PDB file of N, CA and C in Angstrom:
ATOM      1  N   UNK A   1      65.681  57.210-152.488  1.00  0.00           N
ATOM      2  CA  UNK A   1      64.335  57.328-152.007  1.00  0.00           C
ATOM      3  C   UNK A   1      63.402  57.434-153.211  1.00  0.00           C
ATOM      4  N   UNK A   2      62.310  56.779-153.067  1.00  0.00           N
ATOM      5  CA  UNK A   2      61.353  56.792-154.161  1.00  0.00           C
ATOM      6  C   UNK A   2      60.497  58.050-154.086  1.00  0.00           C
ATOM      7  N   UNK A   3      59.917  58.401-155.186  1.00  0.00           N
ATOM      8  CA  UNK A   3      59.085  59.609-155.267  1.00  0.00           C
ATOM      9  C   UNK A   3      57.906  59.504-154.311  1.00  0.00           C
ATOM     10  N   UNK A   4      57.327  58.344-154.199  1.00  0.00           N
ATOM     11  CA  UNK A   4      56.186  58.141-153.304  1.00  0.00           C
ATOM     12  C   UNK A   4      56.588  58.455-151.852  1.00  0.00           C
ATOM     13  N   UNK A   5      57.728  58.019-151.431  1.00  0.00           N
ATOM     14  CA  UNK A   5      58.211  58.264-150.076  1.00  0.00           C
ATOM     15  C   UNK A   5      58.480  59.748-149.870  1.00  0.00           C
ATOM     16  N   UNK A   6      59.080  60.396-150.875  1.00  0.00           N
ATOM     17  CA  UNK A   6      59.350  61.828-150.765  1.00  0.00           C
ATOM     18  C   UNK A   6      58.054  62.620-150.661  1.00  0.00           C
ATOM     19  N   UNK A   7      57.071  62.275-151.469  1.00  0.00           N
ATOM     20  CA  UNK A   7      55.775  62.972-151.400  1.00  0.00           C
ATOM     21  C   UNK A   7      55.102  62.749-150.045  1.00  0.00           C
ATOM     22  N   UNK A   8      55.183  61.542-149.537  1.00  0.00           N
ATOM     23  CA  UNK A   8      54.588  61.236-148.237  1.00  0.00           C
ATOM     24  C   UNK A   8      55.276  62.019-147.119  1.00  0.00           C
ATOM     25  N   UNK A   9      56.610  62.045-147.138  1.00  0.00           N
ATOM     26  CA  UNK A   9      57.340  62.817-146.121  1.00  0.00           C
ATOM     27  C   UNK A   9      57.059  64.307-146.239  1.00  0.00           C
ATOM     28  N   UNK A  10      56.956  64.812-147.458  1.00  0.00           N
ATOM     29  CA  UNK A  10      56.637  66.227-147.669  1.00  0.00           C
ATOM     30  C   UNK A  10      55.250  66.567-147.135  1.00  0.00           C
ATOM     31  N   UNK A  11      54.283  65.698-147.421  1.00  0.00           N
ATOM     32  CA  UNK A  11      52.914  65.920-146.933  1.00  0.00           C
ATOM     33  C   UNK A  11      52.868  65.862-145.407  1.00  0.00           C
ATOM     34  N   UNK A  12      53.594  64.915-144.814  1.00  0.00           N
ATOM     35  CA  UNK A  12      53.632  64.814-143.349  1.00  0.00           C
ATOM     36  C   UNK A  12      54.290  66.042-142.722  1.00  0.00           C
ATOM     37  N   UNK A  13      55.359  66.543-143.350  1.00  0.00           N
ATOM     38  CA  UNK A  13      56.021  67.748-142.834  1.00  0.00           C
ATOM     39  C   UNK A  13      55.093  68.952-142.930  1.00  0.00           C
ATOM     40  N   UNK A  14      54.351  69.053-144.048  1.00  0.00           N
ATOM     41  CA  UNK A  14      53.402  70.154-144.219  1.00  0.00           C
ATOM     42  C   UNK A  14      52.289  70.069-143.177  1.00  0.00           C
ATOM     43  N   UNK A  15      51.725  68.892-142.981  1.00  0.00           N
ATOM     44  CA  UNK A  15      50.677  68.720-141.966  1.00  0.00           C
ATOM     45  C   UNK A  15      51.222  68.976-140.554  1.00  0.00           C
ATOM     46  N   UNK A  16      52.440  68.545-140.291  1.00  0.00           N
ATOM     47  CA  UNK A  16      53.052  68.795-138.983  1.00  0.00           C
ATOM     48  C   UNK A  16      53.250  70.282-138.731  1.00  0.00           C
ATOM     49  N   UNK A  17      53.703  71.005-139.763  1.00  0.00           N
ATOM     50  CA  UNK A  17      53.867  72.461-139.634  1.00  0.00           C
ATOM     51  C   UNK A  17      52.546  73.168-139.381  1.00  0.00           C
ATOM     52  N   UNK A  18      51.509  72.752-140.111  1.00  0.00           N
ATOM     53  CA  UNK A  18      50.177  73.350-139.917  1.00  0.00           C
ATOM     54  C   UNK A  18      49.653  73.034-138.522  1.00  0.00           C
ATOM     55  N   UNK A  19      49.821  71.801-138.067  1.00  0.00           N
ATOM     56  CA  UNK A  19      49.353  71.415-136.729  1.00  0.00           C
ATOM     57  C   UNK A  19      50.114  72.181-135.639  1.00  0.00           C
ATOM     58  N   UNK A  20      51.425  72.348-135.844  1.00  0.00           N
ATOM     59  CA  UNK A  20      52.228  73.086-134.867  1.00  0.00           C
ATOM     60  C   UNK A  20      51.760  74.530-134.770  1.00  0.00           C
ATOM     61  N   UNK A  21      51.570  75.166-135.939  1.00  0.00           N
ATOM     62  CA  UNK A  21      51.129  76.579-135.941  1.00  0.00           C
ATOM     63  C   UNK A  21      49.746  76.713-135.295  1.00  0.00           C
ATOM     64  N   UNK A  22      48.846  75.817-135.597  1.00  0.00           N
ATOM     65  CA  UNK A  22      47.496  75.859-135.029  1.00  0.00           C
ATOM     66  C   UNK A  22      47.535  75.651-133.517  1.00  0.00           C
ATOM     67  N   UNK A  23      48.335  74.681-133.079  1.00  0.00           N
ATOM     68  CA  UNK A  23      48.460  74.436-131.642  1.00  0.00           C
ATOM     69  C   UNK A  23      49.064  75.614-130.911  1.00  0.00           C
ATOM     70  N   UNK A  24      50.071  76.219-131.517  1.00  0.00           N
ATOM     71  CA  UNK A  24      50.704  77.387-130.902  1.00  0.00           C
ATOM     72  C   UNK A  24      49.723  78.550-130.778  1.00  0.00           C
ATOM     73  N   UNK A  25      48.950  78.803-131.824  1.00  0.00           N
ATOM     74  CA  UNK A  25      47.968  79.881-131.779  1.00  0.00           C
ATOM     75  C   UNK A  25      46.899  79.627-130.720  1.00  0.00           C
ATOM     76  N   UNK A  26      46.446  78.394-130.593  1.00  0.00           N
ATOM     77  CA  UNK A  26      45.412  78.110-129.586  1.00  0.00           C
ATOM     78  C   UNK A  26      45.970  78.236-128.167  1.00  0.00           C
ATOM     79  N   UNK A  27      47.219  77.835-127.960  1.00  0.00           N
ATOM     80  CA  UNK A  27      47.837  77.989-126.636  1.00  0.00           C
ATOM     81  C   UNK A  27      48.013  79.468-126.302  1.00  0.00           C
ATOM     82  N   UNK A  28      48.471  80.261-127.278  1.00  0.00           N
ATOM     83  CA  UNK A  28      48.624  81.699-127.033  1.00  0.00           C
ATOM     84  C   UNK A  28      47.287  82.355-126.718  1.00  0.00           C
ATOM     85  N   UNK A  29      46.238  81.971-127.439  1.00  0.00           N
ATOM     86  CA  UNK A  29      44.910  82.536-127.181  1.00  0.00           C
ATOM     87  C   UNK A  29      44.408  82.135-125.796  1.00  0.00           C
ATOM     88  N   UNK A  30      44.631  80.871-125.438  1.00  0.00           N
ATOM     89  CA  UNK A  30      44.195  80.386-124.132  1.00  0.00           C
ATOM     90  C   UNK A  30      44.932  81.109-123.006  1.00  0.00           C
ATOM     91  N   UNK A  31      46.247  81.240-123.153  1.00  0.00           N
ATOM     92  CA  UNK A  31      47.023  81.949-122.134  1.00  0.00           C
ATOM     93  C   UNK A  31      46.649  83.419-122.082  1.00  0.00           C
ATOM     94  N   UNK A  32      46.361  84.009-123.234  1.00  0.00           N
ATOM     95  CA  UNK A  32      45.932  85.410-123.261  1.00  0.00           C
ATOM     96  C   UNK A  32      44.654  85.616-122.475  1.00  0.00           C
ATOM     97  N   UNK A  33      43.684  84.714-122.661  1.00  0.00           N
ATOM     98  CA  UNK A  33      42.434  84.814-121.901  1.00  0.00           C
ATOM     99  C   UNK A  33      42.682  84.610-120.415  1.00  0.00           C
ATOM    100  N   UNK A  34      43.571  83.674-120.081  1.00  0.00           N
ATOM    101  CA  UNK A  34      43.886  83.417-118.676  1.00  0.00           C
ATOM    102  C   UNK A  34      44.545  84.636-118.026  1.00  0.00           C
ATOM    103  N   UNK A  35      45.518  85.231-118.721  1.00  0.00           N
ATOM    104  CA  UNK A  35      46.183  86.422-118.177  1.00  0.00           C
ATOM    105  C   UNK A  35      45.219  87.590-118.074  1.00  0.00           C
ATOM    106  N   UNK A  36      44.327  87.721-119.044  1.00  0.00           N
ATOM    107  CA  UNK A  36      43.337  88.794-119.006  1.00  0.00           C
ATOM    108  C   UNK A  36      42.407  88.623-117.810  1.00  0.00           C
ATOM    109  N   UNK A  37      41.994  87.397-117.551  1.00  0.00           N
ATOM    110  CA  UNK A  37      41.119  87.128-116.408  1.00  0.00           C
ATOM    111  C   UNK A  37      41.834  87.410-115.088  1.00  0.00           C
ATOM    112  N   UNK A  38      43.095  86.989-114.985  1.00  0.00           N
ATOM    113  CA  UNK A  38      43.858  87.258-113.758  1.00  0.00           C
ATOM    114  C   UNK A  38      44.060  88.749-113.548  1.00  0.00           C
ATOM    115  N   UNK A  39      44.339  89.491-114.606  1.00  0.00           N
ATOM    116  CA  UNK A  39      44.509  90.935-114.490  1.00  0.00           C
ATOM    117  C   UNK A  39      43.198  91.594-114.071  1.00  0.00           C
ATOM    118  N   UNK A  40      42.095  91.142-114.644  1.00  0.00           N
ATOM    119  CA  UNK A  40      40.785  91.687-114.281  1.00  0.00           C
ATOM    120  C   UNK A  40      40.491  91.444-112.806  1.00  0.00           C
ATOM    121  N   UNK A  41      40.784  90.244-112.332  1.00  0.00           N
ATOM    122  CA  UNK A  41      40.542  89.935-110.914  1.00  0.00           C
ATOM    123  C   UNK A  41      41.430  90.767-109.995  1.00  0.00           C
ATOM    124  N   UNK A  42      42.682  90.986-110.390  1.00  0.00           N
ATOM    125  CA  UNK A  42      43.590  91.791-109.572  1.00  0.00           C
ATOM    126  C   UNK A  42      43.108  93.237-109.501  1.00  0.00           C
ATOM    127  N   UNK A  43      42.690  93.785-110.630  1.00  0.00           N
ATOM    128  CA  UNK A  43      42.192  95.165-110.652  1.00  0.00           C
ATOM    129  C   UNK A  43      40.908  95.264-109.833  1.00  0.00           C
ATOM    130  N   UNK A  44      40.060  94.264-109.921  1.00  0.00           N
ATOM    131  CA  UNK A  44      38.819  94.251-109.145  1.00  0.00           C
ATOM    132  C   UNK A  44      39.117  94.235-107.640  1.00  0.00           C
ATOM    133  N   UNK A  45      40.102  93.445-107.234  1.00  0.00           N
ATOM    134  CA  UNK A  45      40.489  93.377-105.824  1.00  0.00           C
ATOM    135  C   UNK A  45      41.045  94.721-105.341  1.00  0.00           C
ATOM    136  N   UNK A  46      41.895  95.330-106.145  1.00  0.00           N
ATOM    137  CA  UNK A  46      42.448  96.644-105.782  1.00  0.00           C
ATOM    138  C   UNK A  46      41.328  97.672-105.702  1.00  0.00           C
ATOM    139  N   UNK A  47      40.389  97.611-106.624  1.00  0.00           N
ATOM    140  CA  UNK A  47      39.267  98.553-106.620  1.00  0.00           C
ATOM    141  C   UNK A  47      38.424  98.387-105.358  1.00  0.00           C
ATOM    142  N   UNK A  48      38.183  97.139-104.950  1.00  0.00           N
ATOM    143  CA  UNK A  48      37.424  96.911-103.710  1.00  0.00           C
ATOM    144  C   UNK A  48      38.167  97.446-102.490  1.00  0.00           C
ATOM    145  N   UNK A  49      39.486  97.242-102.446  1.00  0.00           N
ATOM    146  CA  UNK A  49      40.281  97.731-101.316  1.00  0.00           C
ATOM    147  C   UNK A  49      40.277  99.254-101.255  1.00  0.00           C
ATOM    148  N   UNK A  50      40.437  99.891-102.399  1.00  0.00           N
ATOM    149  CA  UNK A  50      40.426 101.359-102.434  1.00  0.00           C
ATOM    150  C   UNK A  50      39.057 101.878-102.021  1.00  0.00           C
ATOM    151  N   UNK A  51      37.999 101.221-102.491  1.00  0.00           N
ATOM    152  CA  UNK A  51      36.651 101.621-102.094  1.00  0.00           C
ATOM    153  C   UNK A  51      36.438 101.480-100.594  1.00  0.00           C
ATOM    154  N   UNK A  52      36.955 100.415-100.014  1.00  0.00           N
ATOM    155  CA  UNK A  52      36.820 100.226 -98.567  1.00  0.00           C
ATOM    156  C   UNK A  52      37.568 101.319 -97.809  1.00  0.00           C
ATOM    157  N   UNK A  53      38.751 101.686 -98.302  1.00  0.00           N
ATOM    158  CA  UNK A  53      39.520 102.752 -97.642  1.00  0.00           C
ATOM    159  C   UNK A  53      38.818 104.098 -97.777  1.00  0.00           C
ATOM    160  N   UNK A  54      38.166 104.330 -98.909  1.00  0.00           N
ATOM    161  CA  UNK A  54      37.432 105.579 -99.097  1.00  0.00           C
ATOM    162  C   UNK A  54      36.228 105.643 -98.167  1.00  0.00           C
ATOM    163  N   UNK A  55      35.624 104.501 -97.896  1.00  0.00           N
ATOM    164  CA  UNK A  55      34.474 104.500 -96.986  1.00  0.00           C
ATOM    165  C   UNK A  55      34.897 104.661 -95.531  1.00  0.00           C
ATOM    166  N   UNK A  56      36.046 104.085 -95.141  1.00  0.00           N
ATOM    167  CA  UNK A  56      36.461 104.169 -93.745  1.00  0.00           C
ATOM    168  C   UNK A  56      37.217 105.452 -93.429  1.00  0.00           C
ATOM    169  N   UNK A  57      37.755 106.115 -94.441  1.00  0.00           N
ATOM    170  CA  UNK A  57      38.506 107.361 -94.214  1.00  0.00           C
ATOM    171  C   UNK A  57      37.693 108.433 -93.514  1.00  0.00           C
ATOM    172  N   UNK A  58      36.500 108.777 -94.015  1.00  0.00           N
ATOM    173  CA  UNK A  58      35.694 109.793 -93.325  1.00  0.00           C
ATOM    174  C   UNK A  58      35.307 109.386 -91.909  1.00  0.00           C
ATOM    175  N   UNK A  59      35.100 108.099 -91.674  1.00  0.00           N
ATOM    176  CA  UNK A  59      34.761 107.653 -90.319  1.00  0.00           C
ATOM    177  C   UNK A  59      35.932 107.896 -89.367  1.00  0.00           C
ATOM    178  N   UNK A  60      37.149 107.595 -89.822  1.00  0.00           N
ATOM    179  CA  UNK A  60      38.323 107.849 -88.989  1.00  0.00           C
ATOM    180  C   UNK A  60      38.529 109.345 -88.792  1.00  0.00           C
ATOM    181  N   UNK A  61      38.303 110.123 -89.829  1.00  0.00           N
ATOM    182  CA  UNK A  61      38.539 111.561 -89.734  1.00  0.00           C
ATOM    183  C   UNK A  61      37.548 112.248 -88.803  1.00  0.00           C
ATOM    184  N   UNK A  62      36.372 111.661 -88.618  1.00  0.00           N
ATOM    185  CA  UNK A  62      35.371 112.299 -87.769  1.00  0.00           C
ATOM    186  C   UNK A  62      35.520 111.940 -86.286  1.00  0.00           C
ATOM    187  N   UNK A  63      36.475 111.082 -85.932  1.00  0.00           N
ATOM    188  CA  UNK A  63      36.664 110.740 -84.524  1.00  0.00           C
ATOM    189  C   UNK A  63      37.113 111.965 -83.740  1.00  0.00           C
ATOM    190  N   UNK A  64      36.610 112.094 -82.528  1.00  0.00           N
ATOM    191  CA  UNK A  64      36.943 113.251 -81.693  1.00  0.00           C
ATOM    192  C   UNK A  64      38.440 113.369 -81.449  1.00  0.00           C
ATOM    193  N   UNK A  65      39.092 112.265 -81.214  1.00  0.00           N
ATOM    194  CA  UNK A  65      40.508 112.323 -80.882  1.00  0.00           C
ATOM    195  C   UNK A  65      41.325 112.860 -82.064  1.00  0.00           C
ATOM    196  N   UNK A  66      40.875 112.632 -83.271  1.00  0.00           N
ATOM    197  CA  UNK A  66      41.580 113.161 -84.429  1.00  0.00           C
ATOM    198  C   UNK A  66      41.239 114.626 -84.676  1.00  0.00           C
ATOM    199  N   UNK A  67      40.102 115.069 -84.195  1.00  0.00           N
ATOM    200  CA  UNK A  67      39.720 116.467 -84.351  1.00  0.00           C
ATOM    201  C   UNK A  67      40.431 117.358 -83.339  1.00  0.00           C
ATOM    202  N   UNK A  68      40.909 116.790 -82.233  1.00  0.00           N
ATOM    203  CA  UNK A  68      41.546 117.576 -81.171  1.00  0.00           C
ATOM    204  C   UNK A  68      42.977 117.959 -81.500  1.00  0.00           C
ATOM    205  N   UNK A  69      43.565 117.400 -82.502  1.00  0.00           N
ATOM    206  CA  UNK A  69      44.927 117.752 -82.872  1.00  0.00           C
ATOM    207  C   UNK A  69      45.892 116.618 -82.599  1.00  0.00           C
ATOM    208  N   UNK A  70      47.138 116.773 -83.020  1.00  0.00           N
ATOM    209  CA  UNK A  70      48.117 115.687 -82.890  1.00  0.00           C
ATOM    210  C   UNK A  70      48.465 115.355 -81.440  1.00  0.00           C
ATOM    211  N   UNK A  71      48.434 116.349 -80.562  1.00  0.00           N
ATOM    212  CA  UNK A  71      48.776 116.069 -79.162  1.00  0.00           C
ATOM    213  C   UNK A  71      47.757 115.127 -78.537  1.00  0.00           C
ATOM    214  N   UNK A  72      46.486 115.391 -78.815  1.00  0.00           N
ATOM    215  CA  UNK A  72      45.433 114.554 -78.255  1.00  0.00           C
ATOM    216  C   UNK A  72      45.499 113.141 -78.827  1.00  0.00           C
ATOM    217  N   UNK A  73      45.847 113.044 -80.095  1.00  0.00           N
ATOM    218  CA  UNK A  73      45.964 111.719 -80.705  1.00  0.00           C
ATOM    219  C   UNK A  73      47.098 110.937 -80.067  1.00  0.00           C
ATOM    220  N   UNK A  74      48.229 111.589 -79.815  1.00  0.00           N
ATOM    221  CA  UNK A  74      49.345 110.894 -79.186  1.00  0.00           C
ATOM    222  C   UNK A  74      48.998 110.475 -77.763  1.00  0.00           C
ATOM    223  N   UNK A  75      48.284 111.327 -77.045  1.00  0.00           N
ATOM    224  CA  UNK A  75      47.876 110.963 -75.684  1.00  0.00           C
ATOM    225  C   UNK A  75      46.921 109.778 -75.707  1.00  0.00           C
ATOM    226  N   UNK A  76      45.995 109.777 -76.646  1.00  0.00           N
ATOM    227  CA  UNK A  76      45.065 108.658 -76.744  1.00  0.00           C
ATOM    228  C   UNK A  76      45.803 107.383 -77.123  1.00  0.00           C
ATOM    229  N   UNK A  77      46.792 107.495 -77.960  1.00  0.00           N
ATOM    230  CA  UNK A  77      47.581 106.337 -78.348  1.00  0.00           C
ATOM    231  C   UNK A  77      48.349 105.775 -77.157  1.00  0.00           C
ATOM    232  N   UNK A  78      48.929 106.650 -76.348  1.00  0.00           N
ATOM    233  CA  UNK A  78      49.643 106.211 -75.152  1.00  0.00           C
ATOM    234  C   UNK A  78      48.669 105.575 -74.170  1.00  0.00           C
ATOM    235  N   UNK A  79      47.487 106.180 -73.992  1.00  0.00           N
ATOM    236  CA  UNK A  79      46.478 105.605 -73.103  1.00  0.00           C
ATOM    237  C   UNK A  79      46.060 104.218 -73.580  1.00  0.00           C
ATOM    238  N   UNK A  80      45.961 104.044 -74.878  1.00  0.00           N
ATOM    239  CA  UNK A  80      45.553 102.752 -75.422  1.00  0.00           C
ATOM    240  C   UNK A  80      46.656 101.712 -75.276  1.00  0.00           C
ATOM    241  N   UNK A  81      47.897 102.106 -75.479  1.00  0.00           N
ATOM    242  CA  UNK A  81      49.000 101.160 -75.440  1.00  0.00           C
ATOM    243  C   UNK A  81      49.431 100.804 -74.027  1.00  0.00           C
ATOM    244  N   UNK A  82      49.276 101.708 -73.070  1.00  0.00           N
ATOM    245  CA  UNK A  82      49.734 101.456 -71.706  1.00  0.00           C
ATOM    246  C   UNK A  82      48.601 101.700 -70.707  1.00  0.00           C
ATOM    247  N   UNK A  83      47.596 100.833 -70.674  1.00  0.00           N
ATOM    248  CA  UNK A  83      46.477 101.062 -69.759  1.00  0.00           C
ATOM    249  C   UNK A  83      46.873 100.927 -68.290  1.00  0.00           C
ATOM    250  N   UNK A  84      47.928 100.173 -67.997  1.00  0.00           N
ATOM    251  CA  UNK A  84      48.311 100.013 -66.591  1.00  0.00           C
ATOM    252  C   UNK A  84      48.856 101.318 -66.008  1.00  0.00           C
ATOM    253  N   UNK A  85      49.403 102.195 -66.848  1.00  0.00           N
ATOM    254  CA  UNK A  85      49.928 103.471 -66.351  1.00  0.00           C
ATOM    255  C   UNK A  85      48.809 104.479 -66.112  1.00  0.00           C
ATOM    256  N   UNK A  86      47.702 104.312 -66.789  1.00  0.00           N
ATOM    257  CA  UNK A  86      46.598 105.257 -66.668  1.00  0.00           C
ATOM    258  C   UNK A  86      45.404 104.637 -65.954  1.00  0.00           C
ATOM    259  N   UNK A  87      45.626 103.615 -65.146  1.00  0.00           N
ATOM    260  CA  UNK A  87      44.527 102.902 -64.498  1.00  0.00           C
ATOM    261  C   UNK A  87      43.746 103.812 -63.554  1.00  0.00           C
ATOM    262  N   UNK A  88      44.395 104.753 -62.898  1.00  0.00           N
ATOM    263  CA  UNK A  88      43.708 105.612 -61.948  1.00  0.00           C
ATOM    264  C   UNK A  88      43.107 106.854 -62.563  1.00  0.00           C
ATOM    265  N   UNK A  89      43.364 107.122 -63.816  1.00  0.00           N
ATOM    266  CA  UNK A  89      42.854 108.349 -64.426  1.00  0.00           C
ATOM    267  C   UNK A  89      41.598 108.061 -65.211  1.00  0.00           C
ATOM    268  N   UNK A  90      40.849 109.087 -65.419  1.00  0.00           N
ATOM    269  CA  UNK A  90      39.611 108.966 -66.178  1.00  0.00           C
ATOM    270  C   UNK A  90      39.927 108.883 -67.670  1.00  0.00           C
ATOM    271  N   UNK A  91      39.149 108.106 -68.413  1.00  0.00           N
ATOM    272  CA  UNK A  91      39.350 107.985 -69.857  1.00  0.00           C
ATOM    273  C   UNK A  91      38.906 109.255 -70.570  1.00  0.00           C
ATOM    274  N   UNK A  92      37.927 109.933 -69.995  1.00  0.00           N
ATOM    275  CA  UNK A  92      37.401 111.151 -70.594  1.00  0.00           C
ATOM    276  C   UNK A  92      38.061 112.363 -69.932  1.00  0.00           C
ATOM    277  N   UNK A  93      38.834 113.096 -70.705  1.00  0.00           N
ATOM    278  CA  UNK A  93      39.442 114.324 -70.194  1.00  0.00           C
ATOM    279  C   UNK A  93      38.912 115.486 -71.001  1.00  0.00           C
ATOM    280  N   UNK A  94      38.941 116.630 -70.427  1.00  0.00           N
ATOM    281  CA  UNK A  94      38.504 117.794 -71.183  1.00  0.00           C
ATOM    282  C   UNK A  94      39.552 118.135 -72.227  1.00  0.00           C
ATOM    283  N   UNK A  95      39.174 118.939 -73.195  1.00  0.00           N
ATOM    284  CA  UNK A  95      40.114 119.342 -74.229  1.00  0.00           C
ATOM    285  C   UNK A  95      41.249 120.161 -73.645  1.00  0.00           C
ATOM    286  N   UNK A  96      40.975 120.948 -72.683  1.00  0.00           N
ATOM    287  CA  UNK A  96      42.017 121.791 -72.070  1.00  0.00           C
ATOM    288  C   UNK A  96      43.080 120.902 -71.420  1.00  0.00           C
ATOM    289  N   UNK A  97      42.656 119.842 -70.721  1.00  0.00           N
ATOM    290  CA  UNK A  97      43.622 118.956 -70.085  1.00  0.00           C
ATOM    291  C   UNK A  97      44.442 118.210 -71.128  1.00  0.00           C
ATOM    292  N   UNK A  98      43.787 117.759 -72.183  1.00  0.00           N
ATOM    293  CA  UNK A  98      44.501 117.044 -73.224  1.00  0.00           C
ATOM    294  C   UNK A  98      45.537 117.952 -73.889  1.00  0.00           C
ATOM    295  N   UNK A  99      45.140 119.131 -74.233  1.00  0.00           N
ATOM    296  CA  UNK A  99      46.037 120.031 -74.960  1.00  0.00           C
ATOM    297  C   UNK A  99      47.154 120.562 -74.076  1.00  0.00           C
ATOM    298  N   UNK A 100      46.938 120.631 -72.770  1.00  0.00           N
ATOM    299  CA  UNK A 100      47.950 121.202 -71.903  1.00  0.00           C
ATOM    300  C   UNK A 100      49.048 120.209 -71.544  1.00  0.00           C
ATOM    301  N   UNK A 101      48.805 118.913 -71.767  1.00  0.00           N
ATOM    302  CA  UNK A 101      49.827 117.917 -71.454  1.00  0.00           C
ATOM    303  C   UNK A 101      50.892 117.901 -72.531  1.00  0.00           C
ATOM    304  N   UNK A 102      52.151 117.772 -72.151  1.00  0.00           N
ATOM    305  CA  UNK A 102      53.213 117.718 -73.164  1.00  0.00           C
ATOM    306  C   UNK A 102      53.237 116.360 -73.863  1.00  0.00           C
ATOM    307  N   UNK A 103      54.000 116.272 -74.919  1.00  0.00           N
ATOM    308  CA  UNK A 103      54.139 115.007 -75.623  1.00  0.00           C
ATOM    309  C   UNK A 103      54.786 113.978 -74.713  1.00  0.00           C
ATOM    310  N   UNK A 104      54.402 112.719 -74.856  1.00  0.00           N
ATOM    311  CA  UNK A 104      55.027 111.674 -74.029  1.00  0.00           C
ATOM    312  C   UNK A 104      56.441 111.385 -74.441  1.00  0.00           C
TER     313      UNK A 104
END
């Protein structure tokens, strides 16, 4: 091999190595930004969901059926799930009637 050919191959190998390193760094940077954006969006979605649950929690806690205790909640759940069994009864019962009924 002539010296000219060796120098040309050496220069091409050097340029190829530099191009490879530069391309690799740009791909890593691009993927890093992409992963960062996806992580940010996921955290934002979780934050919105948690915020929605925090807003609806007090509304659920203030419902009368939840304030009456677990027995009243179970009775209301049964009334909601099986309306054909409670068709003849009134939807509004006093607290004494609700609390005096045993668990279903």
